PDB file of all heavy atoms in Angstrom:
ATOM      1  N   PHE A   1       0.815  -1.165  -0.080  1.00  0.00           N
ATOM      2  CA  PHE A   1      -0.022  -0.043   0.019  1.00  0.00           C
ATOM      3  C   PHE A   1       0.897   1.271   0.039  1.00  0.00           C
ATOM      4  O   PHE A   1       0.537   2.228  -0.654  1.00  0.00           O
ATOM      5  CB  PHE A   1      -0.906   0.011   1.239  1.00  0.00           C
ATOM      6  CG  PHE A   1      -1.828   1.117   1.306  1.00  0.00           C
ATOM      7  CD1 PHE A   1      -3.005   1.240   0.473  1.00  0.00           C
ATOM      8  CD2 PHE A   1      -1.604   2.154   2.195  1.00  0.00           C
ATOM      9  CE1 PHE A   1      -3.864   2.355   0.506  1.00  0.00           C
ATOM     10  CE2 PHE A   1      -2.595   3.317   2.323  1.00  0.00           C
ATOM     11  CZ  PHE A   1      -3.568   3.270   1.426  1.00  0.00           C
ATOM     12  N   THR A   2       1.977   1.229   0.700  1.00  0.00           N
ATOM     13  CA  THR A   2       2.890   2.386   0.794  1.00  0.00           C
ATOM     14  C   THR A   2       3.415   2.664  -0.589  1.00  0.00           C
ATOM     15  O   THR A   2       3.537   3.850  -1.010  1.00  0.00           O
ATOM     16  CB  THR A   2       3.961   2.073   1.835  1.00  0.00           C
ATOM     17  OG1 THR A   2       3.386   1.859   3.059  1.00  0.00           O
ATOM     18  CG2 THR A   2       4.933   3.199   1.900  1.00  0.00           C
ATOM     19  N   MET A   3       3.887   1.514  -1.215  1.00  0.00           N
ATOM     20  CA  MET A   3       4.421   1.756  -2.641  1.00  0.00           C
ATOM     21  C   MET A   3       3.453   2.239  -3.607  1.00  0.00           C
ATOM     22  O   MET A   3       3.711   3.099  -4.465  1.00  0.00           O
ATOM     23  CB  MET A   3       5.057   0.337  -3.140  1.00  0.00           C
ATOM     24  CG  MET A   3       6.209  -0.156  -2.399  1.00  0.00           C
ATOM     25  SD  MET A   3       7.655   1.040  -2.508  1.00  0.00           S
ATOM     26  CE  MET A   3       7.984   0.938  -4.174  1.00  0.00           C
ATOM     27  N   ASN A   4       2.105   1.760  -3.452  1.00  0.00           N
ATOM     28  CA  ASN A   4       1.125   2.361  -4.266  1.00  0.00           C
ATOM     29  C   ASN A   4       0.950   3.774  -4.000  1.00  0.00           C
ATOM     30  O   ASN A   4       0.786   4.671  -4.933  1.00  0.00           O
ATOM     31  CB  ASN A   4      -0.204   1.566  -3.974  1.00  0.00           C
ATOM     32  CG  ASN A   4      -1.410   2.110  -4.730  1.00  0.00           C
ATOM     33  OD1 ASN A   4      -1.374   2.290  -5.915  1.00  0.00           O
ATOM     34  ND2 ASN A   4      -2.364   2.555  -3.970  1.00  0.00           N
ATOM     35  N   THR A   5       0.786   4.194  -2.751  1.00  0.00           N
ATOM     36  CA  THR A   5       0.770   5.606  -2.415  1.00  0.00           C
ATOM     37  C   THR A   5       1.865   6.366  -2.938  1.00  0.00           C
ATOM     38  O   THR A   5       1.727   7.540  -3.373  1.00  0.00           O
ATOM     39  CB  THR A   5       0.562   5.728  -0.811  1.00  0.00           C
ATOM     40  OG1 THR A   5      -0.560   4.980  -0.426  1.00  0.00           O
ATOM     41  CG2 THR A   5       0.354   7.232  -0.518  1.00  0.00           C
ATOM     42  N   PHE A   6       3.143   5.934  -2.805  1.00  0.00           N
ATOM     43  CA  PHE A   6       4.291   6.573  -3.286  1.00  0.00           C
ATOM     44  C   PHE A   6       4.250   6.764  -4.705  1.00  0.00           C
ATOM     45  O   PHE A   6       4.548   7.828  -5.227  1.00  0.00           O
ATOM     46  CB  PHE A   6       5.392   5.630  -2.813  1.00  0.00           C
ATOM     47  CG  PHE A   6       6.861   6.363  -2.901  1.00  0.00           C
ATOM     48  CD1 PHE A   6       7.264   7.259  -1.996  1.00  0.00           C
ATOM     49  CD2 PHE A   6       7.669   6.342  -4.054  1.00  0.00           C
ATOM     50  CE1 PHE A   6       8.423   7.976  -1.956  1.00  0.00           C
ATOM     51  CE2 PHE A   6       8.749   7.067  -4.212  1.00  0.00           C
ATOM     52  CZ  PHE A   6       9.153   7.711  -3.190  1.00  0.00           C
ATOM     53  N   GLN A   7       3.899   5.691  -5.536  1.00  0.00           N
ATOM     54  CA  GLN A   7       3.834   5.786  -6.900  1.00  0.00           C
ATOM     55  C   GLN A   7       2.689   6.720  -7.450  1.00  0.00           C
ATOM     56  O   GLN A   7       2.782   7.520  -8.269  1.00  0.00           O
ATOM     57  CB  GLN A   7       3.677   4.415  -7.551  1.00  0.00           C
ATOM     58  CG  GLN A   7       4.926   3.555  -7.386  1.00  0.00           C
ATOM     59  CD  GLN A   7       4.702   2.065  -7.663  1.00  0.00           C
ATOM     60  OE1 GLN A   7       3.550   1.635  -7.737  1.00  0.00           O
ATOM     61  NE2 GLN A   7       5.743   1.318  -7.971  1.00  0.00           N
ATOM     62  N   THR A   8       1.521   6.615  -6.700  1.00  0.00           N
ATOM     63  CA  THR A   8       0.369   7.505  -6.986  1.00  0.00           C
ATOM     64  C   THR A   8       0.888   8.994  -6.840  1.00  0.00           C
ATOM     65  O   THR A   8       0.542   9.840  -7.591  1.00  0.00           O
ATOM     66  CB  THR A   8      -0.765   7.180  -6.160  1.00  0.00           C
ATOM     67  OG1 THR A   8      -1.134   5.828  -6.439  1.00  0.00           O
ATOM     68  CG2 THR A   8      -2.001   8.112  -6.507  1.00  0.00           C
ATOM     69  N   GLY A   9       1.525   9.152  -5.721  1.00  0.00           N
ATOM     70  CA  GLY A   9       1.955  10.569  -5.393  1.00  0.00           C
ATOM     71  C   GLY A   9       2.915  11.031  -6.365  1.00  0.00           C
ATOM     72  O   GLY A   9       2.902  12.281  -6.729  1.00  0.00           O
ATOM     73  N   GLN A  10       3.819  10.171  -6.894  1.00  0.00           N
ATOM     74  CA  GLN A  10       4.804  10.591  -7.946  1.00  0.00           C
ATOM     75  C   GLN A  10       3.982  10.969  -9.230  1.00  0.00           C
ATOM     76  O   GLN A  10       4.519  11.948  -9.895  1.00  0.00           O
ATOM     77  CB  GLN A  10       5.852   9.500  -8.167  1.00  0.00           C
ATOM     78  CG  GLN A  10       6.825   9.359  -6.946  1.00  0.00           C
ATOM     79  CD  GLN A  10       7.979   8.424  -7.276  1.00  0.00           C
ATOM     80  OE1 GLN A  10       9.087   8.824  -7.387  1.00  0.00           O
ATOM     81  NE2 GLN A  10       7.624   7.161  -7.437  1.00  0.00           N
ATOM     82  N   VAL A  11       3.057  10.183  -9.609  1.00  0.00           N
ATOM     83  CA  VAL A  11       2.241  10.518 -10.752  1.00  0.00           C
ATOM     84  C   VAL A  11       1.626  11.913 -10.619  1.00  0.00           C
ATOM     85  O   VAL A  11       1.727  12.812 -11.461  1.00  0.00           O
ATOM     86  CB  VAL A  11       1.270   9.463 -11.075  1.00  0.00           C
ATOM     87  CG1 VAL A  11       0.278   9.887 -12.182  1.00  0.00           C
ATOM     88  CG2 VAL A  11       1.919   8.102 -11.457  1.00  0.00           C
ATOM     89  N   SER A  12       0.970  12.180  -9.413  1.00  0.00           N
ATOM     90  CA  SER A  12       0.367  13.455  -9.207  1.00  0.00           C
ATOM     91  C   SER A  12       1.444  14.510  -9.071  1.00  0.00           C
ATOM     92  O   SER A  12       1.147  15.616  -9.486  1.00  0.00           O
ATOM     93  CB  SER A  12      -0.452  13.367  -7.873  1.00  0.00           C
ATOM     94  OG  SER A  12      -1.424  12.447  -7.936  1.00  0.00           O
ATOM     95  N   LEU A  13       2.640  14.187  -8.562  1.00  0.00           N
ATOM     96  CA  LEU A  13       3.653  15.265  -8.485  1.00  0.00           C
ATOM     97  C   LEU A  13       4.097  15.615  -9.940  1.00  0.00           C
ATOM     98  O   LEU A  13       4.255  16.867 -10.110  1.00  0.00           O
ATOM     99  CB  LEU A  13       4.848  14.639  -7.805  1.00  0.00           C
ATOM    100  CG  LEU A  13       5.973  15.535  -7.168  1.00  0.00           C
ATOM    101  CD1 LEU A  13       5.441  16.510  -6.193  1.00  0.00           C
ATOM    102  CD2 LEU A  13       7.144  14.724  -6.676  1.00  0.00           C
ATOM    103  N   GLU A  14       4.176  14.703 -10.839  1.00  0.00           N
ATOM    104  CA  GLU A  14       4.574  15.141 -12.191  1.00  0.00           C
ATOM    105  C   GLU A  14       3.440  16.002 -12.842  1.00  0.00           C
ATOM    106  O   GLU A  14       3.712  16.874 -13.590  1.00  0.00           O
ATOM    107  CB  GLU A  14       4.766  13.832 -13.066  1.00  0.00           C
ATOM    108  CG  GLU A  14       6.074  13.120 -12.617  1.00  0.00           C
ATOM    109  CD  GLU A  14       6.282  11.852 -13.502  1.00  0.00           C
ATOM    110  OE1 GLU A  14       5.363  11.554 -14.248  1.00  0.00           O
ATOM    111  OE2 GLU A  14       7.411  11.257 -13.297  1.00  0.00           O
ATOM    112  N   ARG A  15       2.065  15.508 -12.564  1.00  0.00           N
ATOM    113  CA  ARG A  15       0.955  16.334 -13.153  1.00  0.00           C
ATOM    114  C   ARG A  15       0.978  17.737 -12.640  1.00  0.00           C
ATOM    115  O   ARG A  15       0.731  18.610 -13.380  1.00  0.00           O
ATOM    116  CB  ARG A  15      -0.260  15.641 -12.839  1.00  0.00           C
ATOM    117  CG  ARG A  15      -0.577  14.294 -13.719  1.00  0.00           C
ATOM    118  CD  ARG A  15      -1.574  13.444 -13.128  1.00  0.00           C
ATOM    119  NE  ARG A  15      -2.831  14.179 -12.856  1.00  0.00           N
ATOM    120  CZ  ARG A  15      -3.808  14.344 -13.656  1.00  0.00           C
ATOM    121  NH1 ARG A  15      -3.722  14.051 -14.969  1.00  0.00           N
ATOM    122  NH2 ARG A  15      -4.931  15.020 -13.397  1.00  0.00           N
ATOM    123  N   VAL A  16       1.237  17.913 -11.353  1.00  0.00           N
ATOM    124  CA  VAL A  16       1.166  19.178 -10.756  1.00  0.00           C
ATOM    125  C   VAL A  16       2.395  20.076 -11.141  1.00  0.00           C
ATOM    126  O   VAL A  16       2.295  21.260 -11.472  1.00  0.00           O
ATOM    127  CB  VAL A  16       1.140  19.154  -9.171  1.00  0.00           C
ATOM    128  CG1 VAL A  16       1.374  20.479  -8.540  1.00  0.00           C
ATOM    129  CG2 VAL A  16      -0.139  18.524  -8.722  1.00  0.00           C
ATOM    130  N   GLU A  17       3.574  19.342 -11.234  1.00  0.00           N
ATOM    131  CA  GLU A  17       4.761  20.088 -11.737  1.00  0.00           C
ATOM    132  C   GLU A  17       4.613  20.541 -13.176  1.00  0.00           C
ATOM    133  O   GLU A  17       5.035  21.711 -13.518  1.00  0.00           O
ATOM    134  CB  GLU A  17       5.931  19.186 -11.584  1.00  0.00           C
ATOM    135  CG  GLU A  17       6.510  19.174 -10.166  1.00  0.00           C
ATOM    136  CD  GLU A  17       7.088  20.522  -9.747  1.00  0.00           C
ATOM    137  OE1 GLU A  17       7.780  21.201 -10.536  1.00  0.00           O
ATOM    138  OE2 GLU A  17       6.713  20.989  -8.612  1.00  0.00           O
ATOM    139  N   GLU A  18       4.023  19.697 -13.945  1.00  0.00           N
ATOM    140  CA  GLU A  18       3.605  20.045 -15.351  1.00  0.00           C
ATOM    141  C   GLU A  18       2.827  21.369 -15.454  1.00  0.00           C
ATOM    142  O   GLU A  18       3.036  22.276 -16.269  1.00  0.00           O
ATOM    143  CB  GLU A  18       2.921  18.987 -16.068  1.00  0.00           C
ATOM    144  CG  GLU A  18       2.613  19.289 -17.513  1.00  0.00           C
ATOM    145  CD  GLU A  18       1.775  18.162 -18.186  1.00  0.00           C
ATOM    146  OE1 GLU A  18       1.389  17.214 -17.507  1.00  0.00           O
ATOM    147  OE2 GLU A  18       1.485  18.229 -19.431  1.00  0.00           O
ATOM    148  N   LEU A  19       1.917  21.515 -14.516  1.00  0.00           N
ATOM    149  CA  LEU A  19       1.098  22.712 -14.383  1.00  0.00           C
ATOM    150  C   LEU A  19       1.850  23.879 -13.958  1.00  0.00           C
ATOM    151  O   LEU A  19       1.824  25.019 -14.526  1.00  0.00           O
ATOM    152  CB  LEU A  19      -0.144  22.397 -13.516  1.00  0.00           C
ATOM    153  CG  LEU A  19      -1.333  23.322 -13.539  1.00  0.00           C
ATOM    154  CD1 LEU A  19      -1.915  23.332 -14.887  1.00  0.00           C
ATOM    155  CD2 LEU A  19      -2.310  22.944 -12.446  1.00  0.00           C
ATOM    156  N   LEU A  20       2.656  23.648 -12.940  1.00  0.00           N
ATOM    157  CA  LEU A  20       3.473  24.805 -12.350  1.00  0.00           C
ATOM    158  C   LEU A  20       4.586  25.269 -13.296  1.00  0.00           C
ATOM    159  O   LEU A  20       4.972  26.484 -13.281  1.00  0.00           O
ATOM    160  CB  LEU A  20       4.130  24.346 -11.014  1.00  0.00           C
ATOM    161  CG  LEU A  20       3.178  24.127  -9.874  1.00  0.00           C
ATOM    162  CD1 LEU A  20       3.825  23.567  -8.608  1.00  0.00           C
ATOM    163  CD2 LEU A  20       2.456  25.471  -9.445  1.00  0.00           C
ATOM    164  N   GLN A  21       5.105  24.376 -14.190  1.00  0.00           N
ATOM    165  CA  GLN A  21       6.203  24.751 -15.095  1.00  0.00           C
ATOM    166  C   GLN A  21       5.603  25.454 -16.311  1.00  0.00           C
ATOM    167  O   GLN A  21       6.433  25.899 -17.136  1.00  0.00           O
ATOM    168  CB  GLN A  21       7.065  23.513 -15.378  1.00  0.00           C
ATOM    169  CG  GLN A  21       7.809  22.947 -14.313  1.00  0.00           C
ATOM    170  CD  GLN A  21       8.517  21.677 -14.541  1.00  0.00           C
ATOM    171  OE1 GLN A  21       8.542  21.274 -15.735  1.00  0.00           O
ATOM    172  NE2 GLN A  21       9.144  21.080 -13.561  1.00  0.00           N
ATOM    173  N   ARG A  22       4.382  25.427 -16.480  1.00  0.00           N
ATOM    174  CA  ARG A  22       3.839  26.061 -17.647  1.00  0.00           C
ATOM    175  C   ARG A  22       3.769  27.628 -17.485  1.00  0.00           C
ATOM    176  O   ARG A  22       3.178  28.209 -16.589  1.00  0.00           O
ATOM    177  CB  ARG A  22       2.283  25.627 -17.880  1.00  0.00           C
ATOM    178  CG  ARG A  22       1.709  25.808 -19.146  1.00  0.00           C
ATOM    179  CD  ARG A  22       0.973  27.099 -19.283  1.00  0.00           C
ATOM    180  NE  ARG A  22       0.533  27.292 -20.663  1.00  0.00           N
ATOM    181  CZ  ARG A  22       0.069  28.499 -21.121  1.00  0.00           C
ATOM    182  NH1 ARG A  22      -0.050  29.549 -20.351  1.00  0.00           N
ATOM    183  NH2 ARG A  22      -0.307  28.637 -22.322  1.00  0.00           N
ATOM    184  N   GLU A  23       4.622  28.289 -18.262  1.00  0.00           N
ATOM    185  CA  GLU A  23       4.728  29.721 -18.155  1.00  0.00           C
ATOM    186  C   GLU A  23       3.784  30.375 -19.033  1.00  0.00           C
ATOM    187  O   GLU A  23       3.358  29.951 -20.240  1.00  0.00           O
ATOM    188  CB  GLU A  23       6.097  30.122 -18.653  1.00  0.00           C
ATOM    189  CG  GLU A  23       7.227  29.778 -17.704  1.00  0.00           C
ATOM    190  CD  GLU A  23       7.184  30.563 -16.387  1.00  0.00           C
ATOM    191  OE1 GLU A  23       6.685  31.720 -16.369  1.00  0.00           O
ATOM    192  OE2 GLU A  23       7.567  29.977 -15.363  1.00  0.00           O
ATOM    193  N   PRO A  24       3.044  31.400 -18.530  1.00  0.00           N
ATOM    194  CA  PRO A  24       1.918  32.150 -19.245  1.00  0.00           C
ATOM    195  C   PRO A  24       2.609  32.767 -20.443  1.00  0.00           C
ATOM    196  O   PRO A  24       3.735  33.265 -20.481  1.00  0.00           O
ATOM    197  CB  PRO A  24       1.475  33.139 -18.223  1.00  0.00           C
ATOM    198  CG  PRO A  24       2.494  33.332 -17.148  1.00  0.00           C
ATOM    199  CD  PRO A  24       3.209  32.003 -17.078  1.00  0.00           C
ATOM    200  N   SER A  25       1.863  32.805 -21.596  1.00  0.00           N
ATOM    201  CA  SER A  25       2.353  33.453 -22.768  1.00  0.00           C
ATOM    202  C   SER A  25       2.214  34.906 -22.744  1.00  0.00           C
ATOM    203  O   SER A  25       2.857  35.613 -23.536  1.00  0.00           O
ATOM    204  CB  SER A  25       1.552  32.829 -23.966  1.00  0.00           C
ATOM    205  OG  SER A  25       0.157  33.188 -23.802  1.00  0.00           O
ATOM    206  N   ILE A  26       1.513  35.381 -21.773  1.00  0.00           N
ATOM    207  CA  ILE A  26       1.371  36.831 -21.630  1.00  0.00           C
ATOM    208  C   ILE A  26       1.787  37.135 -20.198  1.00  0.00           C
ATOM    209  O   ILE A  26       1.204  36.797 -19.179  1.00  0.00           O
ATOM    210  CB  ILE A  26      -0.096  37.283 -21.787  1.00  0.00           C
ATOM    211  CG1 ILE A  26      -0.637  36.922 -23.176  1.00  0.00           C
ATOM    212  CG2 ILE A  26      -0.142  38.871 -21.575  1.00  0.00           C
ATOM    213  CD1 ILE A  26      -2.188  37.108 -23.270  1.00  0.00           C
ATOM    214  N   GLN A  27       3.000  37.819 -20.027  1.00  0.00           N
ATOM    215  CA  GLN A  27       3.443  38.133 -18.743  1.00  0.00           C
ATOM    216  C   GLN A  27       4.329  39.419 -18.747  1.00  0.00           C
ATOM    217  O   GLN A  27       4.627  39.896 -19.902  1.00  0.00           O
ATOM    218  CB  GLN A  27       4.284  37.014 -18.211  1.00  0.00           C
ATOM    219  CG  GLN A  27       5.384  36.533 -19.001  1.00  0.00           C
ATOM    220  CD  GLN A  27       6.042  35.316 -18.498  1.00  0.00           C
ATOM    221  OE1 GLN A  27       6.332  35.238 -17.321  1.00  0.00           O
ATOM    222  NE2 GLN A  27       6.433  34.273 -19.314  1.00  0.00           N
ATOM    223  N   ASP A  28       4.609  39.967 -17.644  1.00  0.00           N
ATOM    224  CA  ASP A  28       5.396  41.149 -17.591  1.00  0.00           C
ATOM    225  C   ASP A  28       6.885  41.037 -18.045  1.00  0.00           C
ATOM    226  O   ASP A  28       7.425  39.896 -17.837  1.00  0.00           O
ATOM    227  CB  ASP A  28       5.400  41.729 -16.099  1.00  0.00           C
ATOM    228  CG  ASP A  28       4.092  42.153 -15.684  1.00  0.00           C
ATOM    229  OD1 ASP A  28       3.233  42.506 -16.520  1.00  0.00           O
ATOM    230  OD2 ASP A  28       3.862  42.196 -14.479  1.00  0.00           O
ATOM    231  N   LYS A  29       7.410  42.052 -18.616  1.00  0.00           N
ATOM    232  CA  LYS A  29       8.872  41.982 -18.931  1.00  0.00           C
ATOM    233  C   LYS A  29       9.711  42.123 -17.583  1.00  0.00           C
ATOM    234  O   LYS A  29       9.037  42.487 -16.486  1.00  0.00           O
ATOM    235  CB  LYS A  29       9.286  43.165 -19.842  1.00  0.00           C
ATOM    236  CG  LYS A  29       8.719  42.977 -21.262  1.00  0.00           C
ATOM    237  CD  LYS A  29       9.244  44.151 -22.084  1.00  0.00           C
ATOM    238  CE  LYS A  29       8.869  43.957 -23.524  1.00  0.00           C
ATOM    239  NZ  LYS A  29       9.317  45.007 -24.410  1.00  0.00           N
ATOM    240  N   VAL A  30      10.981  41.890 -17.664  1.00  0.00           N
ATOM    241  CA  VAL A  30      11.767  41.982 -16.492  1.00  0.00           C
ATOM    242  C   VAL A  30      11.770  43.377 -15.911  1.00  0.00           C
ATOM    243  O   VAL A  30      11.728  43.657 -14.776  1.00  0.00           O
ATOM    244  CB  VAL A  30      13.261  41.434 -16.636  1.00  0.00           C
ATOM    245  CG1 VAL A  30      14.082  41.604 -15.502  1.00  0.00           C
ATOM    246  CG2 VAL A  30      13.201  39.997 -17.174  1.00  0.00           C
ATOM    247  N   ILE A  31      11.883  44.320 -16.887  1.00  0.00           N
ATOM    248  CA  ILE A  31      11.883  45.738 -16.536  1.00  0.00           C
ATOM    249  C   ILE A  31      10.698  46.327 -17.257  1.00  0.00           C
ATOM    250  O   ILE A  31      10.509  46.285 -18.449  1.00  0.00           O
ATOM    251  CB  ILE A  31      13.191  46.452 -16.953  1.00  0.00           C
ATOM    252  CG1 ILE A  31      14.362  45.810 -16.272  1.00  0.00           C
ATOM    253  CG2 ILE A  31      13.103  47.940 -16.644  1.00  0.00           C
ATOM    254  CD1 ILE A  31      15.767  46.425 -16.675  1.00  0.00           C
ATOM    255  N   THR A  32       9.684  47.011 -16.471  1.00  0.00           N
ATOM    256  CA  THR A  32       8.545  47.531 -17.022  1.00  0.00           C
ATOM    257  C   THR A  32       8.572  49.007 -16.886  1.00  0.00           C
ATOM    258  O   THR A  32       9.319  49.579 -16.071  1.00  0.00           O
ATOM    259  CB  THR A  32       7.319  46.993 -16.354  1.00  0.00           C
ATOM    260  OG1 THR A  32       7.335  47.263 -14.888  1.00  0.00           O
ATOM    261  CG2 THR A  32       7.191  45.454 -16.516  1.00  0.00           C
ATOM    262  N   THR A  33       7.778  49.709 -17.735  1.00  0.00           N
ATOM    263  CA  THR A  33       7.649  51.133 -17.744  1.00  0.00           C
ATOM    264  C   THR A  33       6.460  51.607 -16.881  1.00  0.00           C
ATOM    265  O   THR A  33       5.411  51.019 -17.031  1.00  0.00           O
ATOM    266  CB  THR A  33       7.486  51.725 -19.056  1.00  0.00           C
ATOM    267  OG1 THR A  33       8.563  51.340 -19.979  1.00  0.00           O
ATOM    268  CG2 THR A  33       7.398  53.247 -19.139  1.00  0.00           C
ATOM    269  N   PRO A  34       6.686  52.430 -15.924  1.00  0.00           N
ATOM    270  CA  PRO A  34       5.559  52.816 -15.011  1.00  0.00           C
ATOM    271  C   PRO A  34       4.616  53.751 -15.714  1.00  0.00           C
ATOM    272  O   PRO A  34       5.012  54.534 -16.663  1.00  0.00           O
ATOM    273  CB  PRO A  34       6.225  53.536 -13.887  1.00  0.00           C
ATOM    274  CG  PRO A  34       7.562  54.039 -14.371  1.00  0.00           C
ATOM    275  CD  PRO A  34       8.012  53.037 -15.426  1.00  0.00           C
ATOM    276  N   ILE A  35       3.336  53.834 -15.340  1.00  0.00           N
ATOM    277  CA  ILE A  35       2.341  54.675 -15.914  1.00  0.00           C
ATOM    278  C   ILE A  35       2.743  56.111 -15.320  1.00  0.00           C
ATOM    279  O   ILE A  35       2.897  56.282 -14.118  1.00  0.00           O
ATOM    280  CB  ILE A  35       1.004  54.302 -15.424  1.00  0.00           C
ATOM    281  CG1 ILE A  35       0.589  52.942 -16.071  1.00  0.00           C
ATOM    282  CG2 ILE A  35      -0.003  55.325 -15.891  1.00  0.00           C
ATOM    283  CD1 ILE A  35       0.385  52.978 -17.578  1.00  0.00           C
ATOM    284  N   THR A  36       2.831  57.106 -16.321  1.00  0.00           N
ATOM    285  CA  THR A  36       3.090  58.477 -15.766  1.00  0.00           C
ATOM    286  C   THR A  36       1.755  59.292 -16.098  1.00  0.00           C
ATOM    287  O   THR A  36       1.205  59.169 -17.190  1.00  0.00           O
ATOM    288  CB  THR A  36       4.156  59.040 -16.716  1.00  0.00           C
ATOM    289  OG1 THR A  36       3.883  58.915 -18.127  1.00  0.00           O
ATOM    290  CG2 THR A  36       5.526  58.391 -16.511  1.00  0.00           C
ATOM    291  N   VAL A  37       1.294  59.849 -15.065  1.00  0.00           N
ATOM    292  CA  VAL A  37       0.186  60.728 -15.063  1.00  0.00           C
ATOM    293  C   VAL A  37       0.455  62.234 -15.307  1.00  0.00           C
ATOM    294  O   VAL A  37       1.336  62.764 -14.469  1.00  0.00           O
ATOM    295  CB  VAL A  37      -0.589  60.507 -13.770  1.00  0.00           C
ATOM    296  CG1 VAL A  37      -1.954  61.405 -13.917  1.00  0.00           C
ATOM    297  CG2 VAL A  37      -1.051  59.100 -13.698  1.00  0.00           C
ATOM    298  N   ASN A  38       0.070  62.736 -16.339  1.00  0.00           N
ATOM    299  CA  ASN A  38       0.304  64.177 -16.728  1.00  0.00           C
ATOM    300  C   ASN A  38      -1.085  64.907 -16.675  1.00  0.00           C
ATOM    301  O   ASN A  38      -1.829  64.726 -17.685  1.00  0.00           O
ATOM    302  CB  ASN A  38       0.994  64.355 -17.966  1.00  0.00           C
ATOM    303  CG  ASN A  38       1.462  65.803 -18.235  1.00  0.00           C
ATOM    304  OD1 ASN A  38       0.970  66.694 -17.638  1.00  0.00           O
ATOM    305  ND2 ASN A  38       2.281  65.974 -19.229  1.00  0.00           N
ATOM    306  N   ASN A  39      -1.329  65.601 -15.612  1.00  0.00           N
ATOM    307  CA  ASN A  39      -2.710  66.185 -15.521  1.00  0.00           C
ATOM    308  C   ASN A  39      -2.944  67.394 -16.515  1.00  0.00           C
ATOM    309  O   ASN A  39      -4.114  67.814 -16.754  1.00  0.00           O
ATOM    310  CB  ASN A  39      -2.916  66.765 -14.159  1.00  0.00           C
ATOM    311  CG  ASN A  39      -2.928  65.733 -13.100  1.00  0.00           C
ATOM    312  OD1 ASN A  39      -3.434  64.546 -13.297  1.00  0.00           O
ATOM    313  ND2 ASN A  39      -2.393  66.046 -11.853  1.00  0.00           N
ATOM    314  N   SER A  40      -1.857  67.718 -17.280  1.00  0.00           N
ATOM    315  CA  SER A  40      -2.076  68.889 -18.236  1.00  0.00           C
ATOM    316  C   SER A  40      -2.664  68.372 -19.540  1.00  0.00           C
ATOM    317  O   SER A  40      -2.984  69.076 -20.335  1.00  0.00           O
ATOM    318  CB  SER A  40      -0.684  69.480 -18.471  1.00  0.00           C
ATOM    319  OG  SER A  40       0.273  68.559 -19.021  1.00  0.00           O
TER     320      SER A  40
END
């Protein structure tokens, strides 16, 4: 039972890691430009 739980956990670990390693195609750049407000 322990080995089954261990193997099941490893399968789930890979599935979750696959999700976590997926980088969004839309994300901030390393250096971003701040919004400048000019009331004039």
